[in-house]
C-alpha atoms as a PDB file:
ATOM      1  CA  MET A   1    -110.883  82.312  11.647  1.00  0.00           C
ATOM      2  CA  ARG A   2    -112.573  83.254   8.408  1.00  0.00           C
ATOM      3  CA  LYS A   3    -111.676  86.949   8.855  1.00  0.00           C
ATOM      4  CA  LEU A   4    -108.068  86.029   9.500  1.00  0.00           C
ATOM      5  CA  PHE A   5    -107.914  84.162   6.164  1.00  0.00           C
ATOM      6  CA  ILE A   6    -109.276  87.151   4.248  1.00  0.00           C
ATOM      7  CA  ILE A   7    -106.831  89.546   5.855  1.00  0.00           C
ATOM      8  CA  SER A   8    -103.903  87.221   5.146  1.00  0.00           C
ATOM      9  CA  ILE A   9    -104.653  86.713   1.491  1.00  0.00           C
ATOM     10  CA  VAL A  10    -104.868  90.415   0.554  1.00  0.00           C
ATOM     11  CA  PRO A  11    -101.098  91.060   0.840  1.00  0.00           C
ATOM     12  CA  PHE A  12    -100.509  87.866  -1.104  1.00  0.00           C
ATOM     13  CA  LEU A  13    -102.708  89.048  -3.993  1.00  0.00           C
ATOM     14  CA  ILE A  14    -100.995  92.453  -4.033  1.00  0.00           C
ATOM     15  CA  GLN A  15     -97.618  90.764  -4.142  1.00  0.00           C
ATOM     16  CA  CYS A  16     -98.692  88.522  -7.050  1.00  0.00           C
ATOM     17  CA  SER A  17    -100.053  91.511  -8.955  1.00  0.00           C
ATOM     18  CA  ALA A  18     -96.775  93.405  -8.536  1.00  0.00           C
ATOM     19  CA  ALA A  19     -94.816  90.354  -9.600  1.00  0.00           C
ATOM     20  CA  SER A  20     -96.994  90.054 -12.709  1.00  0.00           C
ATOM     21  CA  ILE A  21     -96.221  93.650 -13.701  1.00  0.00           C
ATOM     22  CA  ASP A  22     -92.511  93.098 -13.093  1.00  0.00           C
ATOM     23  CA  THR A  23     -92.598  89.963 -15.233  1.00  0.00           C
ATOM     24  CA  GLU A  24     -94.176  91.891 -18.102  1.00  0.00           C
ATOM     25  CA  LYS A  25     -91.503  94.549 -17.807  1.00  0.00           C
ATOM     26  CA  GLU A  26     -88.848  91.886 -18.162  1.00  0.00           C
ATOM     27  CA  LYS A  27     -90.129  91.161 -21.681  1.00  0.00           C
ATOM     28  CA  PRO A  28     -89.406  94.301 -23.712  1.00  0.00           C
ATOM     29  CA  ILE A  29     -91.565  95.223 -26.656  1.00  0.00           C
ATOM     30  CA  MET A  30     -89.305  95.748 -29.665  1.00  0.00           C
ATOM     31  CA  LEU A  31     -90.037  98.681 -31.974  1.00  0.00           C
ATOM     32  CA  TYR A  32     -87.960  98.436 -35.137  1.00  0.00           C
ATOM     33  CA  GLY A  33     -86.985 101.151 -37.578  1.00  0.00           C
ATOM     34  CA  ASN A  34     -84.901 100.595 -40.716  1.00  0.00           C
ATOM     35  CA  ASN A  35     -81.373 101.618 -41.601  1.00  0.00           C
ATOM     36  CA  VAL A  36     -81.180 100.916 -45.341  1.00  0.00           C
ATOM     37  CA  VAL A  37     -77.672 101.151 -46.776  1.00  0.00           C
ATOM     38  CA  VAL A  38     -76.608 100.766 -50.406  1.00  0.00           C
ATOM     39  CA  LEU A  39     -72.906  99.959 -50.645  1.00  0.00           C
ATOM     40  CA  SER A  40     -71.525 100.137 -54.176  1.00  0.00           C
ATOM     41  CA  ASP A  41     -68.341  98.599 -55.558  1.00  0.00           C
ATOM     42  CA  LEU A  42     -67.523 101.407 -57.990  1.00  0.00           C
ATOM     43  CA  SER A  43     -64.713  99.585 -59.794  1.00  0.00           C
ATOM     44  CA  ASN A  44     -64.346  98.319 -63.355  1.00  0.00           C
ATOM     45  CA  ARG A  45     -67.658  96.470 -62.986  1.00  0.00           C
ATOM     46  CA  VAL A  46     -69.612  99.682 -63.686  1.00  0.00           C
ATOM     47  CA  MET A  47     -68.334  99.668 -67.271  1.00  0.00           C
ATOM     48  CA  LYS A  48     -69.935  96.335 -68.152  1.00  0.00           C
ATOM     49  CA  PRO A  49     -73.455  96.631 -69.620  1.00  0.00           C
ATOM     50  CA  LYS A  50     -76.099  94.863 -67.525  1.00  0.00           C
ATOM     51  CA  SER A  51     -79.773  94.125 -68.046  1.00  0.00           C
ATOM     52  CA  VAL A  52     -80.529  96.190 -64.931  1.00  0.00           C
ATOM     53  CA  ALA A  53     -78.206  99.098 -64.131  1.00  0.00           C
ATOM     54  CA  ASP A  54     -76.993  99.863 -60.614  1.00  0.00           C
ATOM     55  CA  THR A  55     -78.791 103.200 -60.637  1.00  0.00           C
ATOM     56  CA  THR A  56     -82.053 101.466 -61.553  1.00  0.00           C
ATOM     57  CA  ILE A  57     -81.670  99.194 -58.526  1.00  0.00           C
ATOM     58  CA  ILE A  58     -80.794 102.088 -56.219  1.00  0.00           C
ATOM     59  CA  PHE A  59     -83.637 104.287 -57.467  1.00  0.00           C
ATOM     60  CA  ASN A  60     -86.052 101.387 -56.942  1.00  0.00           C
ATOM     61  CA  VAL A  61     -84.909 101.251 -53.318  1.00  0.00           C
ATOM     62  CA  LEU A  62     -85.363 105.011 -52.945  1.00  0.00           C
ATOM     63  CA  ASN A  63     -88.793 105.010 -54.574  1.00  0.00           C
ATOM     64  CA  ASP A  64     -89.987 102.258 -52.227  1.00  0.00           C
ATOM     65  CA  LEU A  65     -88.794 103.824 -48.981  1.00  0.00           C
ATOM     66  CA  LYS A  66     -91.986 105.744 -48.266  1.00  0.00           C
ATOM     67  CA  PRO A  67     -94.073 102.686 -47.248  1.00  0.00           C
ATOM     68  CA  LEU A  68     -91.337 101.717 -44.792  1.00  0.00           C
ATOM     69  CA  ILE A  69     -91.224 105.239 -43.381  1.00  0.00           C
ATOM     70  CA  LYS A  70     -95.014 105.361 -42.951  1.00  0.00           C
ATOM     71  CA  ARG A  71     -94.982 102.012 -41.149  1.00  0.00           C
ATOM     72  CA  SER A  72     -92.234 103.211 -38.837  1.00  0.00           C
ATOM     73  CA  MET A  73     -94.181 106.420 -38.128  1.00  0.00           C
ATOM     74  CA  GLU A  74     -97.057 104.288 -36.833  1.00  0.00           C
ATOM     75  CA  ARG A  75     -94.629 102.654 -34.374  1.00  0.00           C
ATOM     76  CA  ASN A  76     -93.084 106.028 -33.502  1.00  0.00           C
ATOM     77  CA  THR A  77     -89.719 104.896 -34.854  1.00  0.00           C
ATOM     78  CA  SER A  78     -87.635 106.341 -37.681  1.00  0.00           C
ATOM     79  CA  ASP A  79     -85.898 105.143 -40.847  1.00  0.00           C
ATOM     80  CA  CYS A  80     -82.701 106.118 -42.612  1.00  0.00           C
ATOM     81  CA  PHE A  81     -81.212 105.594 -46.096  1.00  0.00           C
ATOM     82  CA  LYS A  82     -77.499 105.957 -46.857  1.00  0.00           C
ATOM     83  CA  PHE A  83     -75.329 105.454 -49.932  1.00  0.00           C
ATOM     84  CA  TYR A  84     -71.627 104.605 -49.730  1.00  0.00           C
ATOM     85  CA  SER A  85     -68.870 103.616 -52.122  1.00  0.00           C
ATOM     86  CA  VAL A  86     -66.333 100.925 -51.191  1.00  0.00           C
ATOM     87  CA  ASN A  87     -63.679 103.395 -52.343  1.00  0.00           C
ATOM     88  CA  GLN A  88     -64.798 106.717 -50.886  1.00  0.00           C
ATOM     89  CA  TYR A  89     -62.349 108.634 -53.068  1.00  0.00           C
ATOM     90  CA  SER A  90     -64.465 107.726 -56.098  1.00  0.00           C
ATOM     91  CA  ILE A  91     -66.995 110.157 -54.596  1.00  0.00           C
ATOM     92  CA  ASP A  92     -64.667 112.660 -52.940  1.00  0.00           C
ATOM     93  CA  ARG A  93     -62.758 113.373 -56.162  1.00  0.00           C
ATOM     94  CA  ILE A  94     -65.848 114.661 -57.985  1.00  0.00           C
ATOM     95  CA  LYS A  95     -65.788 118.427 -58.351  1.00  0.00           C
ATOM     96  CA  ASN A  96     -69.129 119.732 -59.519  1.00  0.00           C
ATOM     97  CA  PRO A  97     -70.229 123.003 -57.894  1.00  0.00           C
ATOM     98  CA  SER A  98     -73.618 122.799 -59.606  1.00  0.00           C
ATOM     99  CA  ILE A  99     -74.590 119.770 -57.476  1.00  0.00           C
ATOM    100  CA  ASP A 100     -75.331 119.985 -53.764  1.00  0.00           C
ATOM    101  CA  PHE A 101     -74.321 116.394 -53.018  1.00  0.00           C
ATOM    102  CA  LYS A 102     -76.525 114.467 -50.625  1.00  0.00           C
ATOM    103  CA  PHE A 103     -76.319 110.716 -49.966  1.00  0.00           C
ATOM    104  CA  ASP A 104     -78.752 110.129 -47.121  1.00  0.00           C
ATOM    105  CA  LEU A 105     -82.387 110.432 -46.101  1.00  0.00           C
ATOM    106  CA  ASP A 106     -82.634 110.442 -42.315  1.00  0.00           C
ATOM    107  CA  MET A 107     -85.963 110.666 -40.496  1.00  0.00           C
ATOM    108  CA  SER A 108     -84.430 110.512 -37.016  1.00  0.00           C
ATOM    109  CA  GLY A 109     -84.263 114.308 -36.888  1.00  0.00           C
ATOM    110  CA  PHE A 110     -88.048 114.331 -36.553  1.00  0.00           C
ATOM    111  CA  GLU A 111     -88.186 112.246 -33.347  1.00  0.00           C
ATOM    112  CA  ASN A 112     -91.070 113.524 -31.176  1.00  0.00           C
ATOM    113  CA  ARG A 113     -91.951 116.098 -33.851  1.00  0.00           C
ATOM    114  CA  GLU A 114     -94.907 114.337 -35.436  1.00  0.00           C
ATOM    115  CA  LYS A 115     -96.381 117.368 -37.188  1.00  0.00           C
ATOM    116  CA  ASP A 116     -93.055 118.494 -38.674  1.00  0.00           C
ATOM    117  CA  ARG A 117     -92.341 114.948 -39.828  1.00  0.00           C
ATOM    118  CA  SER A 118     -95.754 114.618 -41.438  1.00  0.00           C
ATOM    119  CA  ASP A 119     -95.454 118.005 -43.166  1.00  0.00           C
ATOM    120  CA  TYR A 120     -91.992 117.062 -44.481  1.00  0.00           C
ATOM    121  CA  LEU A 121     -93.040 113.626 -45.706  1.00  0.00           C
ATOM    122  CA  PHE A 122     -96.309 114.685 -47.338  1.00  0.00           C
ATOM    123  CA  GLU A 123     -94.970 118.020 -48.647  1.00  0.00           C
ATOM    124  CA  ARG A 124     -97.185 120.337 -46.650  1.00  0.00           C
ATOM    125  CA  THR A 125     -94.470 122.958 -46.345  1.00  0.00           C
ATOM    126  CA  GLU A 126     -92.790 125.437 -48.677  1.00  0.00           C
ATOM    127  CA  GLY A 127     -89.317 124.639 -47.352  1.00  0.00           C
ATOM    128  CA  ARG A 128     -87.441 121.363 -47.229  1.00  0.00           C
ATOM    129  CA  THR A 129     -89.548 118.319 -48.140  1.00  0.00           C
ATOM    130  CA  TYR A 130     -89.022 114.599 -48.548  1.00  0.00           C
ATOM    131  CA  ARG A 131     -89.507 114.824 -52.328  1.00  0.00           C
ATOM    132  CA  LYS A 132     -86.891 117.566 -52.672  1.00  0.00           C
ATOM    133  CA  ASP A 133     -84.371 115.595 -50.606  1.00  0.00           C
ATOM    134  CA  LEU A 134     -85.155 112.410 -52.530  1.00  0.00           C
ATOM    135  CA  ASP A 135     -84.504 114.143 -55.860  1.00  0.00           C
ATOM    136  CA  LYS A 136     -81.246 115.566 -54.496  1.00  0.00           C
ATOM    137  CA  VAL A 137     -80.042 112.086 -53.449  1.00  0.00           C
ATOM    138  CA  LYS A 138     -80.928 110.638 -56.861  1.00  0.00           C
ATOM    139  CA  LEU A 139     -79.098 113.442 -58.657  1.00  0.00           C
ATOM    140  CA  SER A 140     -76.018 112.908 -56.468  1.00  0.00           C
ATOM    141  CA  ILE A 141     -75.898 109.150 -57.059  1.00  0.00           C
ATOM    142  CA  GLN A 142     -76.443 109.588 -60.796  1.00  0.00           C
ATOM    143  CA  ALA A 143     -73.530 112.042 -60.902  1.00  0.00           C
ATOM    144  CA  VAL A 144     -71.263 109.585 -59.073  1.00  0.00           C
ATOM    145  CA  TYR A 145     -71.953 106.815 -61.582  1.00  0.00           C
ATOM    146  CA  GLU A 146     -71.593 109.073 -64.609  1.00  0.00           C
ATOM    147  CA  TYR A 147     -68.271 110.437 -63.374  1.00  0.00           C
ATOM    148  CA  ASN A 148     -66.812 107.027 -62.532  1.00  0.00           C
ATOM    149  CA  GLN A 149     -67.837 105.572 -65.878  1.00  0.00           C
ATOM    150  CA  GLY A 150     -66.183 108.382 -67.781  1.00  0.00           C
ATOM    151  CA  SER A 151     -63.035 108.799 -65.682  1.00  0.00           C
ATOM    152  CA  LYS A 152     -60.166 106.557 -64.731  1.00  0.00           C
ATOM    153  CA  LEU A 153     -61.632 103.803 -62.608  1.00  0.00           C
ATOM    154  CA  LEU A 154     -60.341 103.149 -59.115  1.00  0.00           C
ATOM    155  CA  PRO A 155     -59.798  99.756 -57.459  1.00  0.00           C
ATOM    156  CA  ALA A 156     -62.165  98.822 -54.652  1.00  0.00           C
ATOM    157  CA  ASP A 157     -60.693  96.768 -51.815  1.00  0.00           C
ATOM    158  CA  LEU A 158     -63.899  95.193 -50.542  1.00  0.00           C
ATOM    159  CA  TRP A 159     -62.149  92.900 -48.054  1.00  0.00           C
ATOM    160  CA  TYR A 160     -60.384  95.830 -46.375  1.00  0.00           C
ATOM    161  CA  TYR A 161     -63.526  97.980 -46.392  1.00  0.00           C
ATOM    162  CA  LEU A 162     -65.680  95.384 -44.639  1.00  0.00           C
ATOM    163  CA  ASP A 163     -62.906  94.606 -42.173  1.00  0.00           C
ATOM    164  CA  LYS A 164     -61.792  98.141 -41.257  1.00  0.00           C
ATOM    165  CA  GLU A 165     -64.199 100.788 -42.552  1.00  0.00           C
ATOM    166  CA  PHE A 166     -67.589  99.136 -42.126  1.00  0.00           C
ATOM    167  CA  ASP A 167     -68.357 100.752 -38.774  1.00  0.00           C
ATOM    168  CA  ASN A 168     -71.031 102.560 -36.774  1.00  0.00           C
ATOM    169  CA  THR A 169     -71.104 105.417 -39.251  1.00  0.00           C
ATOM    170  CA  VAL A 170     -72.535 102.918 -41.738  1.00  0.00           C
ATOM    171  CA  ILE A 171     -74.760 100.795 -39.539  1.00  0.00           C
ATOM    172  CA  ASP A 172     -76.801 101.737 -36.483  1.00  0.00           C
ATOM    173  CA  THR A 173     -76.501  99.530 -33.401  1.00  0.00           C
ATOM    174  CA  THR A 174     -77.932 102.010 -30.910  1.00  0.00           C
ATOM    175  CA  HIS A 175     -81.108 101.253 -29.016  1.00  0.00           C
ATOM    176  CA  LEU A 176     -83.366 103.400 -26.888  1.00  0.00           C
ATOM    177  CA  GLU A 177     -85.354 102.102 -23.935  1.00  0.00           C
ATOM    178  CA  LYS A 178     -88.530 103.647 -22.575  1.00  0.00           C
ATOM    179  CA  MET A 179     -90.945 102.290 -20.011  1.00  0.00           C
ATOM    180  CA  ASP A 180     -94.357 102.912 -18.566  1.00  0.00           C
ATOM    181  CA  ARG A 181     -96.049 101.204 -15.626  1.00  0.00           C
ATOM    182  CA  ALA A 182     -96.506  97.932 -17.488  1.00  0.00           C
ATOM    183  CA  HIS A 183     -93.990  97.677 -20.327  1.00  0.00           C
ATOM    184  CA  ILE A 184     -90.460  98.291 -21.468  1.00  0.00           C
ATOM    185  CA  TYR A 185     -90.164  99.534 -25.058  1.00  0.00           C
ATOM    186  CA  VAL A 186     -86.918  99.164 -26.983  1.00  0.00           C
ATOM    187  CA  LYS A 187     -86.332 101.093 -30.219  1.00  0.00           C
ATOM    188  CA  LYS A 188     -83.765  99.515 -32.502  1.00  0.00           C
ATOM    189  CA  LYS A 189     -82.742  99.687 -36.166  1.00  0.00           C
ATOM    190  CA  LEU A 190     -82.773  96.796 -38.617  1.00  0.00           C
ATOM    191  CA  ASN A 191     -79.584  97.239 -40.649  1.00  0.00           C
ATOM    192  CA  LYS A 192     -80.468  96.226 -44.203  1.00  0.00           C
ATOM    193  CA  ILE A 193     -77.346  96.361 -46.377  1.00  0.00           C
ATOM    194  CA  ILE A 194     -77.537  96.074 -50.176  1.00  0.00           C
ATOM    195  CA  LEU A 195     -74.089  95.408 -51.641  1.00  0.00           C
ATOM    196  CA  LEU A 196     -73.639  95.941 -55.383  1.00  0.00           C
ATOM    197  CA  THR A 197     -70.584  94.007 -56.566  1.00  0.00           C
ATOM    198  CA  ASP A 198     -69.541  91.555 -59.273  1.00  0.00           C
ATOM    199  CA  GLY A 199     -68.096  89.199 -56.660  1.00  0.00           C
ATOM    200  CA  TYR A 200     -64.499  89.466 -57.844  1.00  0.00           C
ATOM    201  CA  ILE A 201     -62.405  90.981 -55.046  1.00  0.00           C
ATOM    202  CA  GLU A 202     -59.516  92.593 -56.886  1.00  0.00           C
ATOM    203  CA  ALA A 203     -57.941  95.505 -55.054  1.00  0.00           C
ATOM    204  CA  GLY A 204     -55.052  97.114 -56.922  1.00  0.00           C
ATOM    205  CA  ARG A 205     -52.477  95.811 -54.441  1.00  0.00           C
ATOM    206  CA  TYR A 206     -53.589  92.172 -54.175  1.00  0.00           C
ATOM    207  CA  GLY A 207     -51.025  90.796 -56.622  1.00  0.00           C
ATOM    208  CA  ASN A 208     -47.911  91.984 -54.778  1.00  0.00           C
ATOM    209  CA  ASP A 209     -48.850  92.311 -51.120  1.00  0.00           C
ATOM    210  CA  LYS A 210     -47.919  89.226 -49.078  1.00  0.00           C
ATOM    211  CA  THR A 211     -50.336  90.268 -46.323  1.00  0.00           C
ATOM    212  CA  MET A 212     -53.156  89.348 -48.723  1.00  0.00           C
ATOM    213  CA  VAL A 213     -52.302  85.633 -48.347  1.00  0.00           C
ATOM    214  CA  ASP A 214     -52.477  83.425 -45.250  1.00  0.00           C
ATOM    215  CA  LYS A 215     -48.912  82.563 -44.216  1.00  0.00           C
ATOM    216  CA  GLN A 216     -49.926  79.056 -43.162  1.00  0.00           C
ATOM    217  CA  ASN A 217     -52.177  78.343 -46.130  1.00  0.00           C
ATOM    218  CA  PRO A 218     -51.617  80.093 -49.496  1.00  0.00           C
ATOM    219  CA  ASN A 219     -55.069  78.949 -50.630  1.00  0.00           C
ATOM    220  CA  ARG A 220     -56.656  81.360 -48.138  1.00  0.00           C
ATOM    221  CA  THR A 221     -56.546  84.966 -49.306  1.00  0.00           C
ATOM    222  CA  LYS A 222     -58.030  88.448 -48.957  1.00  0.00           C
ATOM    223  CA  PHE A 223     -58.792  88.573 -52.682  1.00  0.00           C
ATOM    224  CA  LEU A 224     -60.761  86.551 -55.202  1.00  0.00           C
ATOM    225  CA  SER A 225     -59.412  87.191 -58.688  1.00  0.00           C
ATOM    226  CA  SER A 226     -60.109  85.548 -62.046  1.00  0.00           C
ATOM    227  CA  SER A 227     -56.726  83.804 -61.885  1.00  0.00           C
ATOM    228  CA  LEU A 228     -57.410  82.411 -58.403  1.00  0.00           C
ATOM    229  CA  ILE A 229     -60.810  81.141 -59.521  1.00  0.00           C
ATOM    230  CA  ALA A 230     -59.182  79.517 -62.573  1.00  0.00           C
ATOM    231  CA  ARG A 231     -56.598  77.815 -60.355  1.00  0.00           C
ATOM    232  CA  PHE A 232     -59.286  76.497 -58.025  1.00  0.00           C
ATOM    233  CA  ARG A 233     -61.315  75.187 -60.976  1.00  0.00           C
ATOM    234  CA  ARG A 234     -58.286  73.538 -62.576  1.00  0.00           C
ATOM    235  CA  GLU A 235     -57.269  71.760 -59.373  1.00  0.00           C
ATOM    236  CA  PHE A 236     -60.820  70.599 -58.697  1.00  0.00           C
ATOM    237  CA  ASN A 237     -61.260  69.193 -62.214  1.00  0.00           C
ATOM    238  CA  ARG A 238     -57.999  67.272 -61.854  1.00  0.00           C
ATOM    239  CA  SER A 239     -59.012  65.855 -58.487  1.00  0.00           C
ATOM    240  CA  ASP A 240     -61.095  62.786 -57.687  1.00  0.00           C
ATOM    241  CA  TYR A 241     -63.560  64.656 -55.476  1.00  0.00           C
ATOM    242  CA  PRO A 242     -67.208  63.991 -56.401  1.00  0.00           C
ATOM    243  CA  SER A 243     -68.324  67.560 -55.669  1.00  0.00           C
ATOM    244  CA  MET A 244     -66.886  71.047 -55.786  1.00  0.00           C
ATOM    245  CA  GLU A 245     -68.144  71.688 -52.250  1.00  0.00           C
ATOM    246  CA  GLN A 246     -66.223  68.731 -50.834  1.00  0.00           C
ATOM    247  CA  PHE A 247     -63.039  69.742 -52.643  1.00  0.00           C
ATOM    248  CA  PHE A 248     -63.458  73.303 -51.392  1.00  0.00           C
ATOM    249  CA  GLU A 249     -63.729  72.220 -47.762  1.00  0.00           C
ATOM    250  CA  GLU A 250     -60.874  69.730 -47.809  1.00  0.00           C
ATOM    251  CA  SER A 251     -58.410  71.682 -49.950  1.00  0.00           C
ATOM    252  CA  GLY A 252     -58.315  74.659 -47.599  1.00  0.00           C
ATOM    253  CA  TYR A 253     -59.412  77.209 -50.191  1.00  0.00           C
ATOM    254  CA  GLY A 254     -61.308  80.265 -49.038  1.00  0.00           C
ATOM    255  CA  LEU A 255     -61.304  83.943 -48.222  1.00  0.00           C
ATOM    256  CA  ILE A 256     -59.731  84.937 -44.905  1.00  0.00           C
ATOM    257  CA  PRO A 257     -62.598  85.801 -42.507  1.00  0.00           C
ATOM    258  CA  LEU A 258     -63.166  89.409 -41.521  1.00  0.00           C
ATOM    259  CA  ASP A 259     -62.578  90.580 -37.968  1.00  0.00           C
ATOM    260  CA  ASN A 260     -65.610  92.817 -37.588  1.00  0.00           C
ATOM    261  CA  GLU A 261     -68.230  91.937 -34.988  1.00  0.00           C
ATOM    262  CA  LEU A 262     -70.669  94.467 -36.478  1.00  0.00           C
ATOM    263  CA  LEU A 263     -71.372  92.036 -39.336  1.00  0.00           C
ATOM    264  CA  SER A 264     -73.528  90.018 -36.943  1.00  0.00           C
ATOM    265  CA  GLU A 265     -75.882  93.020 -36.814  1.00  0.00           C
ATOM    266  CA  VAL A 266     -76.737  93.138 -40.523  1.00  0.00           C
ATOM    267  CA  GLU A 267     -79.108  91.635 -43.030  1.00  0.00           C
ATOM    268  CA  LEU A 268     -77.088  91.474 -46.247  1.00  0.00           C
ATOM    269  CA  LEU A 269     -78.304  91.343 -49.839  1.00  0.00           C
ATOM    270  CA  VAL A 270     -75.489  90.910 -52.389  1.00  0.00           C
ATOM    271  CA  LEU A 271     -76.543  91.804 -55.943  1.00  0.00           C
ATOM    272  CA  GLU A 272     -75.144  91.877 -59.483  1.00  0.00           C
ATOM    273  CA  MET A 273     -72.607  89.056 -59.044  1.00  0.00           C
ATOM    274  CA  ASP A 274     -71.070  88.570 -62.461  1.00  0.00           C
ATOM    275  CA  ASP A 275     -69.595  85.646 -64.412  1.00  0.00           C
ATOM    276  CA  ARG A 276     -66.659  86.382 -66.694  1.00  0.00           C
ATOM    277  CA  SER A 277     -66.536  82.737 -67.751  1.00  0.00           C
ATOM    278  CA  ILE A 278     -69.774  83.149 -69.715  1.00  0.00           C
ATOM    279  CA  VAL A 279     -69.100  84.560 -73.186  1.00  0.00           C
ATOM    280  CA  ASN A 280     -72.006  85.760 -75.354  1.00  0.00           C
ATOM    281  CA  GLY A 281     -74.393  83.867 -73.110  1.00  0.00           C
ATOM    282  CA  VAL A 282     -72.467  80.600 -73.479  1.00  0.00           C
ATOM    283  CA  THR A 283     -70.855  78.746 -70.570  1.00  0.00           C
ATOM    284  CA  THR A 284     -67.196  78.161 -71.447  1.00  0.00           C
ATOM    285  CA  VAL A 285     -65.974  76.325 -68.335  1.00  0.00           C
ATOM    286  CA  SER A 286     -67.270  74.159 -65.505  1.00  0.00           C
ATOM    287  CA  PRO A 287     -67.725  74.999 -62.745  1.00  0.00           C
ATOM    288  CA  THR A 288     -68.455  78.561 -63.804  1.00  0.00           C
ATOM    289  CA  ASP A 289     -66.925  81.607 -62.153  1.00  0.00           C
ATOM    290  CA  ARG A 290     -70.270  82.432 -60.565  1.00  0.00           C
ATOM    291  CA  GLU A 291     -70.583  79.000 -58.958  1.00  0.00           C
ATOM    292  CA  VAL A 292     -67.094  79.336 -57.484  1.00  0.00           C
ATOM    293  CA  ILE A 293     -67.718  82.910 -56.309  1.00  0.00           C
ATOM    294  CA  MET A 294     -70.952  81.931 -54.554  1.00  0.00           C
ATOM    295  CA  LEU A 295     -69.138  79.105 -52.770  1.00  0.00           C
ATOM    296  CA  PHE A 296     -66.305  81.338 -51.558  1.00  0.00           C
ATOM    297  CA  TRP A 297     -68.581  84.201 -50.545  1.00  0.00           C
ATOM    298  CA  LYS A 298     -71.069  82.141 -48.544  1.00  0.00           C
ATOM    299  CA  LYS A 299     -68.382  80.591 -46.355  1.00  0.00           C
ATOM    300  CA  TRP A 300     -66.473  83.865 -46.074  1.00  0.00           C
ATOM    301  CA  LEU A 301     -69.394  85.970 -44.897  1.00  0.00           C
ATOM    302  CA  THR A 302     -70.854  83.403 -42.505  1.00  0.00           C
ATOM    303  CA  GLU A 303     -67.415  82.777 -40.980  1.00  0.00           C
ATOM    304  CA  SER A 304     -67.129  86.557 -40.618  1.00  0.00           C
ATOM    305  CA  GLY A 305     -70.286  86.740 -38.513  1.00  0.00           C
ATOM    306  CA  VAL A 306     -73.188  87.285 -40.918  1.00  0.00           C
ATOM    307  CA  LYS A 307     -76.001  84.984 -39.811  1.00  0.00           C
ATOM    308  CA  PRO A 308     -76.820  82.427 -42.560  1.00  0.00           C
ATOM    309  CA  GLU A 309     -80.510  83.362 -42.463  1.00  0.00           C
ATOM    310  CA  ASN A 310     -79.561  87.022 -43.029  1.00  0.00           C
ATOM    311  CA  LEU A 311     -77.390  86.406 -46.100  1.00  0.00           C
ATOM    312  CA  HIS A 312     -78.885  86.566 -49.606  1.00  0.00           C
ATOM    313  CA  MET A 313     -76.874  86.526 -52.850  1.00  0.00           C
ATOM    314  CA  TYR A 314     -78.030  86.972 -56.441  1.00  0.00           C
ATOM    315  CA  SER A 315     -76.371  87.185 -59.822  1.00  0.00           C
ATOM    316  CA  THR A 316     -77.480  89.641 -62.503  1.00  0.00           C
ATOM    317  CA  PHE A 317     -81.224  90.074 -63.027  1.00  0.00           C
ATOM    318  CA  LYS A 318     -82.969  89.223 -66.264  1.00  0.00           C
ATOM    319  CA  ASP A 319     -85.266  92.264 -66.012  1.00  0.00           C
ATOM    320  CA  GLN A 320     -86.506  95.035 -63.727  1.00  0.00           C
ATOM    321  CA  LYS A 321     -89.525  93.028 -62.580  1.00  0.00           C
ATOM    322  CA  GLU A 322     -87.307  90.310 -61.130  1.00  0.00           C
ATOM    323  CA  MET A 323     -85.066  92.907 -59.514  1.00  0.00           C
ATOM    324  CA  LYS A 324     -87.981  94.719 -57.896  1.00  0.00           C
ATOM    325  CA  GLN A 325     -89.378  91.494 -56.456  1.00  0.00           C
ATOM    326  CA  VAL A 326     -86.058  90.525 -54.862  1.00  0.00           C
ATOM    327  CA  VAL A 327     -85.309  93.997 -53.468  1.00  0.00           C
ATOM    328  CA  ASP A 328     -88.828  94.625 -52.158  1.00  0.00           C
ATOM    329  CA  ASP A 329     -88.910  91.220 -50.447  1.00  0.00           C
ATOM    330  CA  PHE A 330     -85.612  92.023 -48.755  1.00  0.00           C
ATOM    331  CA  LEU A 331     -86.841  95.428 -47.569  1.00  0.00           C
ATOM    332  CA  GLY A 332     -90.103  93.921 -46.347  1.00  0.00           C
ATOM    333  CA  ILE A 333     -92.362  95.959 -48.594  1.00  0.00           C
END
């Protein structure tokens, strides 16, 4: 009888062991790389002097990429940096044969080529290196800003861009699965988007195009202009509502949500939001433009699919130290 018990339990133990391995395989191990994107609103906002220039912010991002890349190398994943303008023509129209324009740093080309990747990153080769590519990207971005400050500025339809043009060429939603006897490994990118904008959404056509306004509710629009903000402020101050937030919710004001499911895939940092209602450092109205903009933007982006915990918005920085702290925290450095 004792021998029969021993013989019977062996298949049971084998079955449990196999089930344990299968259970582990059902829980994939996530290996994250980074897709860092700087999206710039190259409109009239670039003309206004700021305590921290756009290029300073962007170059800080570029200078701090290497720690991220090294960390991803340890996980055998890859990182990517890309720069885009909301109005792509503000880049395409630049004619400068002396500049070999480059707006990305992509490590994915070194997948499974550890030695080549290491030589490129740590400049152990006479050919193409990370430092050379980094300098080329900086030169290209600097040229874009200099040209658009000195030439006729173009409008930037941010609502349309995020709704129609913010696609898989900008963000990376692909994932790669690998498995061994015990585990499933999934490689995926964290899409970290840094949007440089003053918060005013003023495409050149917003004043005359009826499609920019909700037919059922004229307080819901695809633009956020100074005049719209002034109208909202005026109506709130004349109302009996105890708070701007309550008036905002009950009056039906707001930006029309975007129809782009990819927004649920991003972590979004909005920087350089301006306030035209502040003159020479003095607040001239209440609530200020910035307070109204923040209110509109938060509801707009969360209704459009950005997860609340992945949305961060800041106004202009007082100095480079503050900027670096905010940007580095967002990048996870």
